[in-house]
């Protein structure tokens, strides 16, 4: 199946439009979630208690690397 270069601008335009709508909706979500946010409050009953913070890492893409030995 052969692909033509004529479709590339159309695909790029569609991707840009979808991304711009997604970032707008993301901004609306952040605004809604943080409406009543008080940065000085801590999420514990006793202010002397430590707050556990957990972080994670997600690998989104694995790139295959093929090494070629000198011929």
N, C-alpha and C. Protein backbone atom coordinates (compact mmCIF):
# COMPACT_ATOMS: atom_id res chain seq x y z
N UNK A 1 0.85 -1.18 0.00
CA UNK A 1 0.00 0.00 0.00
C UNK A 1 0.89 1.24 0.00
N UNK A 2 0.72 2.11 -0.93
CA UNK A 2 1.53 3.31 -1.06
C UNK A 2 0.80 4.49 -0.43
N UNK A 3 1.55 5.29 0.31
CA UNK A 3 0.99 6.49 0.92
C UNK A 3 1.51 7.71 0.17
N UNK A 4 0.67 8.69 0.02
CA UNK A 4 1.10 9.90 -0.67
C UNK A 4 1.41 10.98 0.36
N UNK A 5 2.22 11.92 -0.03
CA UNK A 5 2.59 13.03 0.85
C UNK A 5 1.49 14.07 0.94
N UNK A 6 0.45 13.93 0.14
CA UNK A 6 -0.64 14.91 0.16
C UNK A 6 -1.41 14.87 1.47
N UNK A 7 -1.45 13.72 2.12
CA UNK A 7 -2.23 13.57 3.34
C UNK A 7 -1.51 14.04 4.59
N UNK A 8 -0.22 14.25 4.52
CA UNK A 8 0.56 14.63 5.70
C UNK A 8 0.07 15.95 6.30
N UNK A 9 -0.13 17.03 5.52
CA UNK A 9 -0.62 18.27 6.13
C UNK A 9 -1.99 18.11 6.78
N UNK A 10 -2.85 17.30 6.20
CA UNK A 10 -4.18 17.09 6.77
C UNK A 10 -4.07 16.38 8.12
N UNK A 11 -3.22 15.37 8.19
CA UNK A 11 -3.03 14.64 9.45
C UNK A 11 -2.42 15.55 10.51
N UNK A 12 -1.44 16.35 10.14
CA UNK A 12 -0.81 17.26 11.09
C UNK A 12 -1.80 18.31 11.59
N UNK A 13 -2.64 18.82 10.72
CA UNK A 13 -3.65 19.80 11.11
C UNK A 13 -4.65 19.18 12.08
N UNK A 14 -5.10 17.98 11.79
CA UNK A 14 -6.04 17.29 12.68
C UNK A 14 -5.42 17.04 14.05
N UNK A 15 -4.16 16.65 14.08
CA UNK A 15 -3.48 16.41 15.35
C UNK A 15 -3.33 17.70 16.15
N UNK A 16 -3.02 18.80 15.48
CA UNK A 16 -2.88 20.09 16.16
C UNK A 16 -4.20 20.56 16.74
N UNK A 17 -5.28 20.38 16.01
CA UNK A 17 -6.60 20.79 16.50
C UNK A 17 -6.99 19.97 17.71
N UNK A 18 -6.80 18.66 17.65
CA UNK A 18 -7.15 17.79 18.79
C UNK A 18 -6.33 18.14 20.02
N UNK A 19 -5.05 18.44 19.82
CA UNK A 19 -4.18 18.80 20.94
C UNK A 19 -4.61 20.11 21.56
N UNK A 20 -4.99 21.10 20.75
CA UNK A 20 -5.39 22.39 21.30
C UNK A 20 -6.68 22.27 22.10
N UNK A 21 -7.63 21.46 21.64
CA UNK A 21 -8.85 21.26 22.40
C UNK A 21 -8.56 20.52 23.70
N UNK A 22 -7.65 19.55 23.66
CA UNK A 22 -7.31 18.79 24.86
C UNK A 22 -6.67 19.70 25.90
N UNK A 23 -5.76 20.58 25.49
CA UNK A 23 -5.10 21.44 26.46
C UNK A 23 -6.07 22.46 27.03
N UNK A 24 -7.05 22.91 26.25
CA UNK A 24 -8.06 23.83 26.76
C UNK A 24 -8.91 23.14 27.82
N UNK A 25 -9.34 21.91 27.54
CA UNK A 25 -10.15 21.14 28.50
C UNK A 25 -9.33 20.81 29.75
N UNK A 26 -8.05 20.55 29.57
CA UNK A 26 -7.19 20.27 30.71
C UNK A 26 -7.10 21.49 31.62
N UNK A 27 -6.97 22.66 31.03
CA UNK A 27 -6.95 23.89 31.81
C UNK A 27 -8.24 24.12 32.57
N UNK A 28 -9.36 23.83 31.91
CA UNK A 28 -10.66 23.96 32.59
C UNK A 28 -10.75 23.00 33.77
N UNK A 29 -10.25 21.78 33.61
CA UNK A 29 -10.28 20.79 34.68
C UNK A 29 -9.44 21.25 35.86
N UNK A 30 -8.22 21.73 35.60
CA UNK A 30 -7.38 22.23 36.69
C UNK A 30 -8.06 23.39 37.42
N UNK A 31 -8.66 24.28 36.69
CA UNK A 31 -9.35 25.42 37.30
C UNK A 31 -10.47 24.94 38.20
N UNK A 32 -11.26 24.00 37.73
CA UNK A 32 -12.39 23.47 38.50
C UNK A 32 -11.90 22.74 39.75
N UNK A 33 -10.87 21.92 39.61
CA UNK A 33 -10.37 21.14 40.74
C UNK A 33 -9.73 22.02 41.81
N UNK A 34 -9.14 23.13 41.41
CA UNK A 34 -8.42 23.97 42.37
C UNK A 34 -9.19 25.22 42.78
N UNK A 35 -10.51 25.24 42.54
CA UNK A 35 -11.32 26.41 42.90
C UNK A 35 -11.19 26.79 44.37
N UNK A 36 -11.37 25.84 45.26
CA UNK A 36 -11.35 26.12 46.70
C UNK A 36 -10.07 25.61 47.36
N UNK A 37 -9.01 25.51 46.61
CA UNK A 37 -7.75 24.99 47.15
C UNK A 37 -7.10 26.01 48.08
N UNK A 38 -6.74 25.55 49.26
CA UNK A 38 -6.05 26.40 50.22
C UNK A 38 -4.63 25.84 50.37
N UNK A 39 -3.62 26.52 49.85
CA UNK A 39 -2.26 25.97 49.87
C UNK A 39 -1.65 25.85 51.26
N UNK A 40 -2.19 26.56 52.25
CA UNK A 40 -1.62 26.49 53.60
C UNK A 40 -2.19 25.34 54.42
N UNK A 41 -3.25 24.71 53.96
CA UNK A 41 -3.81 23.56 54.68
C UNK A 41 -3.06 22.30 54.31
N UNK A 42 -2.91 21.42 55.31
CA UNK A 42 -2.25 20.14 55.07
C UNK A 42 -3.30 19.04 55.15
N UNK A 43 -3.15 17.98 54.39
CA UNK A 43 -4.16 16.91 54.36
C UNK A 43 -4.03 15.91 55.52
N UNK A 44 -3.81 16.42 56.74
CA UNK A 44 -3.73 15.57 57.93
C UNK A 44 -4.52 16.24 59.05
N UNK A 45 -4.99 15.43 60.01
CA UNK A 45 -5.75 15.97 61.14
C UNK A 45 -4.84 16.74 62.09
N UNK A 46 -3.64 16.22 62.35
CA UNK A 46 -2.70 16.85 63.26
C UNK A 46 -1.57 17.46 62.43
N UNK A 47 -1.31 18.73 62.61
CA UNK A 47 -0.31 19.40 61.77
C UNK A 47 1.12 18.93 62.02
N UNK A 48 1.36 18.24 63.14
CA UNK A 48 2.71 17.74 63.40
C UNK A 48 2.95 16.37 62.76
N UNK A 49 1.91 15.76 62.20
CA UNK A 49 2.07 14.47 61.53
C UNK A 49 2.76 14.67 60.18
N UNK A 50 3.64 13.74 59.82
CA UNK A 50 4.26 13.84 58.49
C UNK A 50 3.26 13.44 57.40
N UNK A 51 3.46 13.97 56.23
CA UNK A 51 2.62 13.63 55.08
C UNK A 51 3.41 12.70 54.17
N UNK A 52 2.83 11.54 53.88
CA UNK A 52 3.48 10.60 52.96
C UNK A 52 3.21 11.03 51.53
N UNK A 53 4.27 11.15 50.77
CA UNK A 53 4.16 11.51 49.35
C UNK A 53 4.72 10.36 48.55
N UNK A 54 3.92 9.85 47.62
CA UNK A 54 4.37 8.74 46.78
C UNK A 54 4.48 9.24 45.35
N UNK A 55 5.56 8.82 44.71
CA UNK A 55 5.78 9.21 43.32
C UNK A 55 5.98 7.95 42.50
N UNK A 56 5.63 8.03 41.24
CA UNK A 56 5.80 6.89 40.36
C UNK A 56 6.41 7.31 39.04
N UNK A 57 6.83 6.34 38.29
CA UNK A 57 7.43 6.59 36.99
C UNK A 57 6.84 5.60 36.01
N UNK A 58 6.44 6.09 34.86
CA UNK A 58 5.84 5.24 33.83
C UNK A 58 6.70 5.34 32.58
N UNK A 59 7.08 4.20 32.05
CA UNK A 59 7.82 4.16 30.80
C UNK A 59 6.81 4.18 29.66
N UNK A 60 6.84 5.22 28.86
CA UNK A 60 5.84 5.38 27.82
C UNK A 60 6.26 4.80 26.48
N UNK A 61 7.53 4.69 26.24
CA UNK A 61 7.96 4.22 24.93
C UNK A 61 9.27 3.45 25.08
N UNK A 62 9.34 2.34 24.43
CA UNK A 62 10.57 1.56 24.40
C UNK A 62 11.10 1.61 22.98
N UNK A 63 12.33 2.06 22.85
CA UNK A 63 12.94 2.18 21.53
C UNK A 63 13.90 1.01 21.36
N UNK A 64 13.75 0.31 20.29
CA UNK A 64 14.62 -0.83 20.01
C UNK A 64 15.90 -0.33 19.34
N UNK A 65 17.00 -0.77 19.88
CA UNK A 65 18.29 -0.37 19.32
C UNK A 65 18.97 -1.63 18.78
N UNK A 66 19.34 -1.60 17.54
CA UNK A 66 20.01 -2.73 16.91
C UNK A 66 21.46 -2.33 16.71
N UNK A 67 22.38 -3.13 17.24
CA UNK A 67 23.79 -2.80 17.05
C UNK A 67 24.34 -3.64 15.90
N UNK A 68 25.16 -3.02 15.11
CA UNK A 68 25.79 -3.69 13.99
C UNK A 68 27.28 -3.79 14.28
N UNK A 69 27.80 -4.97 14.19
CA UNK A 69 29.23 -5.15 14.38
C UNK A 69 29.95 -4.77 13.09
N UNK A 70 31.15 -4.30 13.24
CA UNK A 70 31.94 -3.93 12.06
C UNK A 70 32.10 -5.11 11.10
N UNK A 71 31.91 -4.86 9.86
CA UNK A 71 31.98 -5.94 8.86
C UNK A 71 33.32 -5.99 8.21
